[in-house]
Amino acid sequence: MKPPSATRAVASRVLRRRAFTLIELLVVVAIIAILAGMLLPALAKAKAASHRARCLSNLHNVGLAMLMYSEDTGGYIPRGNYTPWFLAYMPYMPEGGTKKDFRNVRIYFCPAYPNKDAKKTQVITYVVNAWTFSSPTDPTGSELTVPSKLDRFVRPSDSAHLADNENGSWRPIVTGLQDPTLDLNDVWSPSHLPFPPNGKRLNGERRVAAKRHSNGSDLLFLDGHSEGMRAEKIVVDLWREVKP
């Protein structure tokens, strides 16, 4: 049998062999940092993809509400701020909200929208097509404030109804009916698009987000489907009732 001192010496050598040196610890930390650097972009992409999928699903559900609303109103849909679209579709929402309180309707909110003010959370993150044109070649058009017939759009599958809204500092935060300003939630001018016609510089007054999802926005079309588009492809003709 080994004496106690010999046993302690063996145990001490074992502990020394099991302990990490400073260099080994630094190597482990470096490896963890490299792995984190590789994983974080993948996680960010996965999060962005999840946000886009939820946004497209939200818009699709609003599209179903739009079609039901049109059936119940003789073919009309909300276009401008006379009856805000989010109030018009409230009775057709599957979750949250009451007849006039839309604050808890999560379908009206894009999860990628950057709410920066915890005290005033934006709850409406989409803008509606309120654009009307005097002819298929009218380059600018004007604002339509009242509902219009859905069948005014001859190609509904190529015509936008809603789009992701830009989060500019100019835009009032909509938190409920008590807010004094419920307008600026419509699109009716070339300056409201991400880019001007044949231009590369961003419109300073844009209402459609240029980079809500990667390099573009999600849109709801008047046939009820939703899809994402690059910002430079969101052009005037996308909002026309009659295409050129």
C-alpha atoms as a PDB file:
ATOM      1  CA  MET A   1       0.000   0.000   0.000  1.00  0.00           C
ATOM      2  CA  LYS A   2       1.329   3.439  -0.975  1.00  0.00           C
ATOM      3  CA  PRO A   3       1.921   5.963   1.781  1.00  0.00           C
ATOM      4  CA  PRO A   4      -0.402   9.022   1.923  1.00  0.00           C
ATOM      5  CA  SER A   5       2.316  11.333   0.632  1.00  0.00           C
ATOM      6  CA  ALA A   6       2.792   9.216  -2.488  1.00  0.00           C
ATOM      7  CA  THR A   7      -0.964   9.177  -3.110  1.00  0.00           C
ATOM      8  CA  ARG A   8      -1.118  12.962  -2.845  1.00  0.00           C
ATOM      9  CA  ALA A   9       1.769  13.333  -5.277  1.00  0.00           C
ATOM     10  CA  VAL A  10       0.051  11.108  -7.843  1.00  0.00           C
ATOM     11  CA  ALA A  11      -3.210  13.059  -7.469  1.00  0.00           C
ATOM     12  CA  SER A  12      -1.347  16.335  -7.897  1.00  0.00           C
ATOM     13  CA  ARG A  13       0.248  15.109 -11.127  1.00  0.00           C
ATOM     14  CA  VAL A  14      -3.152  13.973 -12.408  1.00  0.00           C
ATOM     15  CA  LEU A  15      -4.687  17.391 -11.665  1.00  0.00           C
ATOM     16  CA  ARG A  16      -1.839  19.135 -13.401  1.00  0.00           C
ATOM     17  CA  ARG A  17      -2.346  16.984 -16.468  1.00  0.00           C
ATOM     18  CA  ARG A  18      -6.096  17.707 -16.500  1.00  0.00           C
ATOM     19  CA  ALA A  19      -5.796  21.496 -16.079  1.00  0.00           C
ATOM     20  CA  PHE A  20      -5.852  23.778 -19.183  1.00  0.00           C
ATOM     21  CA  THR A  21      -2.915  26.014 -19.883  1.00  0.00           C
ATOM     22  CA  LEU A  22      -3.460  29.661 -20.848  1.00  0.00           C
ATOM     23  CA  ILE A  23      -2.568  28.921 -24.453  1.00  0.00           C
ATOM     24  CA  GLU A  24      -5.094  26.088 -24.616  1.00  0.00           C
ATOM     25  CA  LEU A  25      -7.800  28.341 -23.187  1.00  0.00           C
ATOM     26  CA  LEU A  26      -7.007  31.038 -25.751  1.00  0.00           C
ATOM     27  CA  VAL A  27      -7.217  28.477 -28.548  1.00  0.00           C
ATOM     28  CA  VAL A  28     -10.620  27.307 -27.298  1.00  0.00           C
ATOM     29  CA  VAL A  29     -11.870  30.906 -27.082  1.00  0.00           C
ATOM     30  CA  ALA A  30     -10.603  31.595 -30.602  1.00  0.00           C
ATOM     31  CA  ILE A  31     -12.375  28.507 -31.951  1.00  0.00           C
ATOM     32  CA  ILE A  32     -15.628  29.533 -30.248  1.00  0.00           C
ATOM     33  CA  ALA A  33     -15.307  33.037 -31.723  1.00  0.00           C
ATOM     34  CA  ILE A  34     -14.749  31.613 -35.210  1.00  0.00           C
ATOM     35  CA  LEU A  35     -17.748  29.297 -34.886  1.00  0.00           C
ATOM     36  CA  ALA A  36     -19.913  32.168 -33.599  1.00  0.00           C
ATOM     37  CA  GLY A  37     -18.797  34.310 -36.525  1.00  0.00           C
ATOM     38  CA  MET A  38     -19.835  31.542 -38.889  1.00  0.00           C
ATOM     39  CA  LEU A  39     -23.156  30.833 -37.182  1.00  0.00           C
ATOM     40  CA  LEU A  40     -24.417  34.367 -36.510  1.00  0.00           C
ATOM     41  CA  PRO A  41     -24.909  35.296 -40.197  1.00  0.00           C
ATOM     42  CA  ALA A  42     -26.754  32.016 -40.747  1.00  0.00           C
ATOM     43  CA  LEU A  43     -28.956  32.706 -37.729  1.00  0.00           C
ATOM     44  CA  ALA A  44     -29.609  36.263 -38.964  1.00  0.00           C
ATOM     45  CA  LYS A  45     -30.630  34.908 -42.376  1.00  0.00           C
ATOM     46  CA  ALA A  46     -32.913  32.351 -40.746  1.00  0.00           C
ATOM     47  CA  LYS A  47     -34.531  35.082 -38.637  1.00  0.00           C
ATOM     48  CA  ALA A  48     -35.004  37.307 -41.696  1.00  0.00           C
ATOM     49  CA  ALA A  49     -36.538  34.410 -43.620  1.00  0.00           C
ATOM     50  CA  SER A  50     -38.908  33.736 -40.731  1.00  0.00           C
ATOM     51  CA  HIS A  51     -39.959  37.389 -40.643  1.00  0.00           C
ATOM     52  CA  ARG A  52     -40.608  37.418 -44.379  1.00  0.00           C
ATOM     53  CA  ALA A  53     -42.661  34.224 -44.204  1.00  0.00           C
ATOM     54  CA  ARG A  54     -44.806  35.675 -41.415  1.00  0.00           C
ATOM     55  CA  CYS A  55     -45.205  38.961 -43.274  1.00  0.00           C
ATOM     56  CA  LEU A  56     -46.329  37.193 -46.440  1.00  0.00           C
ATOM     57  CA  SER A  57     -48.750  35.119 -44.377  1.00  0.00           C
ATOM     58  CA  ASN A  58     -50.144  38.280 -42.772  1.00  0.00           C
ATOM     59  CA  LEU A  59     -50.665  39.901 -46.153  1.00  0.00           C
ATOM     60  CA  HIS A  60     -52.300  36.752 -47.507  1.00  0.00           C
ATOM     61  CA  ASN A  61     -54.779  36.824 -44.608  1.00  0.00           C
ATOM     62  CA  VAL A  62     -55.514  40.490 -45.294  1.00  0.00           C
ATOM     63  CA  GLY A  63     -56.082  39.445 -48.916  1.00  0.00           C
ATOM     64  CA  LEU A  64     -58.721  36.955 -47.808  1.00  0.00           C
ATOM     65  CA  ALA A  65     -60.363  39.716 -45.774  1.00  0.00           C
ATOM     66  CA  MET A  66     -60.251  42.001 -48.830  1.00  0.00           C
ATOM     67  CA  LEU A  67     -62.032  39.441 -51.008  1.00  0.00           C
ATOM     68  CA  MET A  68     -64.709  38.802 -48.351  1.00  0.00           C
ATOM     69  CA  TYR A  69     -65.182  42.540 -47.841  1.00  0.00           C
ATOM     70  CA  SER A  70     -65.598  42.997 -51.601  1.00  0.00           C
ATOM     71  CA  GLU A  71     -68.241  40.274 -51.742  1.00  0.00           C
ATOM     72  CA  ASP A  72     -70.184  41.921 -48.924  1.00  0.00           C
ATOM     73  CA  THR A  73     -70.021  45.462 -50.339  1.00  0.00           C
ATOM     74  CA  GLY A  74     -71.015  44.932 -53.950  1.00  0.00           C
ATOM     75  CA  GLY A  75     -67.458  44.670 -55.239  1.00  0.00           C
ATOM     76  CA  TYR A  76     -65.926  47.672 -53.439  1.00  0.00           C
ATOM     77  CA  ILE A  77     -62.582  47.781 -51.627  1.00  0.00           C
ATOM     78  CA  PRO A  78     -61.049  50.558 -49.465  1.00  0.00           C
ATOM     79  CA  ARG A  79     -58.536  52.680 -51.331  1.00  0.00           C
ATOM     80  CA  GLY A  80     -57.809  55.865 -49.397  1.00  0.00           C
ATOM     81  CA  ASN A  81     -58.330  57.318 -45.933  1.00  0.00           C
ATOM     82  CA  TYR A  82     -62.101  57.876 -46.144  1.00  0.00           C
ATOM     83  CA  THR A  83     -62.418  54.464 -44.498  1.00  0.00           C
ATOM     84  CA  PRO A  84     -58.948  53.244 -43.528  1.00  0.00           C
ATOM     85  CA  TRP A  85     -58.353  49.759 -44.890  1.00  0.00           C
ATOM     86  CA  PHE A  86     -57.441  48.377 -41.458  1.00  0.00           C
ATOM     87  CA  LEU A  87     -60.823  49.442 -40.079  1.00  0.00           C
ATOM     88  CA  ALA A  88     -62.720  48.170 -43.114  1.00  0.00           C
ATOM     89  CA  TYR A  89     -61.234  44.691 -42.747  1.00  0.00           C
ATOM     90  CA  MET A  90     -61.583  44.478 -38.973  1.00  0.00           C
ATOM     91  CA  PRO A  91     -64.755  42.278 -39.010  1.00  0.00           C
ATOM     92  CA  TYR A  92     -62.914  39.732 -41.162  1.00  0.00           C
ATOM     93  CA  MET A  93     -59.842  39.391 -38.963  1.00  0.00           C
ATOM     94  CA  PRO A  94     -59.432  35.937 -37.347  1.00  0.00           C
ATOM     95  CA  GLU A  95     -57.731  37.256 -34.227  1.00  0.00           C
ATOM     96  CA  GLY A  96     -57.472  40.232 -31.899  1.00  0.00           C
ATOM     97  CA  GLY A  97     -59.246  43.544 -31.955  1.00  0.00           C
ATOM     98  CA  THR A  98     -62.838  44.630 -31.650  1.00  0.00           C
ATOM     99  CA  LYS A  99     -65.119  46.532 -34.014  1.00  0.00           C
ATOM    100  CA  LYS A 100     -62.954  49.638 -33.743  1.00  0.00           C
ATOM    101  CA  ASP A 101     -59.886  48.615 -31.740  1.00  0.00           C
ATOM    102  CA  PHE A 102     -57.199  47.253 -34.055  1.00  0.00           C
ATOM    103  CA  ARG A 103     -54.250  47.440 -31.653  1.00  0.00           C
ATOM    104  CA  ASN A 104     -54.106  43.693 -31.032  1.00  0.00           C
ATOM    105  CA  VAL A 105     -54.541  42.575 -34.636  1.00  0.00           C
ATOM    106  CA  ARG A 106     -51.132  41.038 -35.236  1.00  0.00           C
ATOM    107  CA  ILE A 107     -51.901  40.428 -38.921  1.00  0.00           C
ATOM    108  CA  TYR A 108     -51.595  44.175 -39.506  1.00  0.00           C
ATOM    109  CA  PHE A 109     -47.987  44.144 -38.296  1.00  0.00           C
ATOM    110  CA  CYS A 110     -44.850  43.015 -40.149  1.00  0.00           C
ATOM    111  CA  PRO A 111     -42.462  41.333 -37.670  1.00  0.00           C
ATOM    112  CA  ALA A 112     -39.491  42.916 -39.464  1.00  0.00           C
ATOM    113  CA  TYR A 113     -40.760  46.460 -38.825  1.00  0.00           C
ATOM    114  CA  PRO A 114     -38.207  48.219 -36.553  1.00  0.00           C
ATOM    115  CA  ASN A 115     -40.219  49.625 -33.658  1.00  0.00           C
ATOM    116  CA  LYS A 116     -37.760  51.932 -31.926  1.00  0.00           C
ATOM    117  CA  ASP A 117     -40.027  53.653 -29.416  1.00  0.00           C
ATOM    118  CA  ALA A 118     -41.198  51.286 -26.696  1.00  0.00           C
ATOM    119  CA  LYS A 119     -43.792  53.827 -25.533  1.00  0.00           C
ATOM    120  CA  LYS A 120     -45.407  54.244 -28.966  1.00  0.00           C
ATOM    121  CA  THR A 121     -45.437  50.947 -30.808  1.00  0.00           C
ATOM    122  CA  GLN A 122     -46.449  51.024 -34.464  1.00  0.00           C
ATOM    123  CA  VAL A 123     -49.326  48.608 -35.086  1.00  0.00           C
ATOM    124  CA  ILE A 124     -50.099  49.354 -38.776  1.00  0.00           C
ATOM    125  CA  THR A 125     -47.084  48.623 -40.969  1.00  0.00           C
ATOM    126  CA  TYR A 126     -48.664  48.406 -44.438  1.00  0.00           C
ATOM    127  CA  VAL A 127     -49.779  51.118 -46.871  1.00  0.00           C
ATOM    128  CA  VAL A 128     -52.717  50.852 -49.283  1.00  0.00           C
ATOM    129  CA  ASN A 129     -53.013  51.579 -52.995  1.00  0.00           C
ATOM    130  CA  ALA A 130     -54.983  54.843 -53.300  1.00  0.00           C
ATOM    131  CA  TRP A 131     -53.643  55.698 -56.739  1.00  0.00           C
ATOM    132  CA  THR A 132     -55.926  56.539 -59.642  1.00  0.00           C
ATOM    133  CA  PHE A 133     -54.959  57.530 -63.169  1.00  0.00           C
ATOM    134  CA  SER A 134     -56.741  59.491 -65.891  1.00  0.00           C
ATOM    135  CA  SER A 135     -55.403  57.132 -68.566  1.00  0.00           C
ATOM    136  CA  PRO A 136     -53.043  54.170 -68.950  1.00  0.00           C
ATOM    137  CA  THR A 137     -50.272  56.605 -69.894  1.00  0.00           C
ATOM    138  CA  ASP A 138     -50.854  59.169 -67.131  1.00  0.00           C
ATOM    139  CA  PRO A 139     -47.360  59.307 -65.533  1.00  0.00           C
ATOM    140  CA  THR A 140     -48.264  60.734 -62.122  1.00  0.00           C
ATOM    141  CA  GLY A 141     -51.923  60.074 -61.280  1.00  0.00           C
ATOM    142  CA  SER A 142     -53.652  61.429 -58.180  1.00  0.00           C
ATOM    143  CA  GLU A 143     -55.037  60.380 -54.794  1.00  0.00           C
ATOM    144  CA  LEU A 144     -58.313  58.489 -54.506  1.00  0.00           C
ATOM    145  CA  THR A 145     -59.889  58.965 -51.085  1.00  0.00           C
ATOM    146  CA  VAL A 146     -63.033  56.845 -51.402  1.00  0.00           C
ATOM    147  CA  PRO A 147     -63.582  53.099 -52.001  1.00  0.00           C
ATOM    148  CA  SER A 148     -63.622  51.839 -55.570  1.00  0.00           C
ATOM    149  CA  LYS A 149     -64.742  48.731 -57.404  1.00  0.00           C
ATOM    150  CA  LEU A 150     -62.283  45.874 -57.427  1.00  0.00           C
ATOM    151  CA  ASP A 151     -63.050  45.208 -61.077  1.00  0.00           C
ATOM    152  CA  ARG A 152     -61.554  48.579 -62.031  1.00  0.00           C
ATOM    153  CA  PHE A 153     -58.279  46.672 -62.028  1.00  0.00           C
ATOM    154  CA  VAL A 154     -58.146  44.731 -65.264  1.00  0.00           C
ATOM    155  CA  ARG A 155     -55.125  42.684 -64.153  1.00  0.00           C
ATOM    156  CA  PRO A 156     -55.570  42.168 -60.409  1.00  0.00           C
ATOM    157  CA  SER A 157     -52.768  39.600 -60.160  1.00  0.00           C
ATOM    158  CA  ASP A 158     -50.323  42.323 -61.315  1.00  0.00           C
ATOM    159  CA  SER A 159     -51.825  45.156 -59.259  1.00  0.00           C
ATOM    160  CA  ALA A 160     -50.763  46.033 -55.720  1.00  0.00           C
ATOM    161  CA  HIS A 161     -53.206  46.536 -52.868  1.00  0.00           C
ATOM    162  CA  LEU A 162     -50.899  46.751 -49.829  1.00  0.00           C
ATOM    163  CA  ALA A 163     -47.140  47.058 -49.368  1.00  0.00           C
ATOM    164  CA  ASP A 164     -44.631  47.217 -46.529  1.00  0.00           C
ATOM    165  CA  ASN A 165     -44.457  50.745 -45.179  1.00  0.00           C
ATOM    166  CA  GLU A 166     -41.200  52.653 -44.757  1.00  0.00           C
ATOM    167  CA  ASN A 167     -40.332  53.505 -41.154  1.00  0.00           C
ATOM    168  CA  GLY A 168     -39.272  57.102 -41.806  1.00  0.00           C
ATOM    169  CA  SER A 169     -39.203  59.635 -38.994  1.00  0.00           C
ATOM    170  CA  TRP A 170     -41.860  61.653 -40.862  1.00  0.00           C
ATOM    171  CA  ARG A 171     -44.418  58.879 -40.540  1.00  0.00           C
ATOM    172  CA  PRO A 172     -46.870  59.189 -37.610  1.00  0.00           C
ATOM    173  CA  ILE A 173     -47.025  56.144 -35.373  1.00  0.00           C
ATOM    174  CA  VAL A 174     -50.474  54.570 -35.467  1.00  0.00           C
ATOM    175  CA  THR A 175     -51.338  53.058 -32.097  1.00  0.00           C
ATOM    176  CA  GLY A 176     -55.138  53.287 -32.143  1.00  0.00           C
ATOM    177  CA  LEU A 177     -58.163  55.409 -33.001  1.00  0.00           C
ATOM    178  CA  GLN A 178     -57.129  58.009 -30.469  1.00  0.00           C
ATOM    179  CA  ASP A 179     -54.237  59.057 -32.696  1.00  0.00           C
ATOM    180  CA  PRO A 180     -54.804  62.452 -34.342  1.00  0.00           C
ATOM    181  CA  THR A 181     -53.330  61.366 -37.685  1.00  0.00           C
ATOM    182  CA  LEU A 182     -54.457  58.199 -39.423  1.00  0.00           C
ATOM    183  CA  ASP A 183     -53.540  59.294 -42.933  1.00  0.00           C
ATOM    184  CA  LEU A 184     -50.188  58.886 -44.705  1.00  0.00           C
ATOM    185  CA  ASN A 185     -51.122  55.222 -44.947  1.00  0.00           C
ATOM    186  CA  ASP A 186     -51.725  55.327 -48.697  1.00  0.00           C
ATOM    187  CA  VAL A 187     -49.656  55.358 -51.889  1.00  0.00           C
ATOM    188  CA  TRP A 188     -50.642  57.745 -54.690  1.00  0.00           C
ATOM    189  CA  SER A 189     -47.519  59.485 -56.008  1.00  0.00           C
ATOM    190  CA  PRO A 190     -44.242  58.454 -57.702  1.00  0.00           C
ATOM    191  CA  SER A 191     -42.429  59.979 -54.726  1.00  0.00           C
ATOM    192  CA  HIS A 192     -44.071  57.370 -52.461  1.00  0.00           C
ATOM    193  CA  LEU A 193     -42.214  54.550 -54.223  1.00  0.00           C
ATOM    194  CA  PRO A 194     -38.715  53.439 -53.197  1.00  0.00           C
ATOM    195  CA  PHE A 195     -37.115  54.844 -56.358  1.00  0.00           C
ATOM    196  CA  PRO A 196     -38.201  57.495 -58.888  1.00  0.00           C
ATOM    197  CA  PRO A 197     -38.855  56.398 -62.500  1.00  0.00           C
ATOM    198  CA  ASN A 198     -35.557  55.405 -64.136  1.00  0.00           C
ATOM    199  CA  GLY A 199     -33.716  56.569 -61.042  1.00  0.00           C
ATOM    200  CA  LYS A 200     -31.190  55.051 -58.658  1.00  0.00           C
ATOM    201  CA  ARG A 201     -31.423  57.428 -55.698  1.00  0.00           C
ATOM    202  CA  LEU A 202     -33.991  56.642 -53.014  1.00  0.00           C
ATOM    203  CA  ASN A 203     -37.091  58.829 -52.846  1.00  0.00           C
ATOM    204  CA  GLY A 204     -36.939  60.933 -49.714  1.00  0.00           C
ATOM    205  CA  GLU A 205     -40.736  60.842 -49.327  1.00  0.00           C
ATOM    206  CA  ARG A 206     -41.104  57.122 -49.954  1.00  0.00           C
ATOM    207  CA  ARG A 207     -43.937  55.345 -48.196  1.00  0.00           C
ATOM    208  CA  VAL A 208     -43.117  51.887 -49.558  1.00  0.00           C
ATOM    209  CA  ALA A 209     -40.157  50.379 -47.735  1.00  0.00           C
ATOM    210  CA  ALA A 210     -36.988  49.965 -49.773  1.00  0.00           C
ATOM    211  CA  LYS A 211     -35.311  47.371 -47.549  1.00  0.00           C
ATOM    212  CA  ARG A 212     -37.891  45.866 -45.239  1.00  0.00           C
ATOM    213  CA  HIS A 213     -36.987  42.387 -46.441  1.00  0.00           C
ATOM    214  CA  SER A 214     -33.498  42.231 -47.898  1.00  0.00           C
ATOM    215  CA  ASN A 215     -33.542  44.629 -50.879  1.00  0.00           C
ATOM    216  CA  GLY A 216     -37.276  45.087 -51.185  1.00  0.00           C
ATOM    217  CA  SER A 217     -40.747  44.766 -49.689  1.00  0.00           C
ATOM    218  CA  ASP A 218     -43.614  42.319 -49.491  1.00  0.00           C
ATOM    219  CA  LEU A 219     -46.837  43.195 -51.326  1.00  0.00           C
ATOM    220  CA  LEU A 220     -50.432  42.011 -51.378  1.00  0.00           C
ATOM    221  CA  PHE A 221     -51.987  41.873 -54.836  1.00  0.00           C
ATOM    222  CA  LEU A 222     -55.625  42.348 -55.713  1.00  0.00           C
ATOM    223  CA  ASP A 223     -56.203  38.711 -56.595  1.00  0.00           C
ATOM    224  CA  GLY A 224     -55.347  37.866 -52.957  1.00  0.00           C
ATOM    225  CA  HIS A 225     -51.810  36.525 -53.327  1.00  0.00           C
ATOM    226  CA  SER A 226     -48.737  38.014 -51.667  1.00  0.00           C
ATOM    227  CA  GLU A 227     -45.124  38.055 -52.778  1.00  0.00           C
ATOM    228  CA  GLY A 228     -41.860  39.879 -52.217  1.00  0.00           C
ATOM    229  CA  MET A 229     -40.366  42.259 -54.776  1.00  0.00           C
ATOM    230  CA  ARG A 230     -37.066  44.061 -55.131  1.00  0.00           C
ATOM    231  CA  ALA A 231     -37.412  47.785 -54.513  1.00  0.00           C
ATOM    232  CA  GLU A 232     -36.429  48.804 -58.042  1.00  0.00           C
ATOM    233  CA  LYS A 233     -39.259  46.687 -59.471  1.00  0.00           C
ATOM    234  CA  ILE A 234     -41.933  48.467 -57.425  1.00  0.00           C
ATOM    235  CA  VAL A 235     -42.860  50.942 -60.161  1.00  0.00           C
ATOM    236  CA  VAL A 236     -45.844  53.119 -61.077  1.00  0.00           C
ATOM    237  CA  ASP A 237     -47.459  50.545 -63.386  1.00  0.00           C
ATOM    238  CA  LEU A 238     -47.785  48.145 -60.456  1.00  0.00           C
ATOM    239  CA  TRP A 239     -50.463  50.437 -58.963  1.00  0.00           C
ATOM    240  CA  ARG A 240     -52.514  51.239 -62.072  1.00  0.00           C
ATOM    241  CA  GLU A 241     -56.089  50.117 -62.589  1.00  0.00           C
ATOM    242  CA  VAL A 242     -55.471  49.788 -66.340  1.00  0.00           C
ATOM    243  CA  LYS A 243     -51.975  48.933 -67.532  1.00  0.00           C
ATOM    244  CA  PRO A 244     -50.454  50.625 -70.596  1.00  0.00           C
END
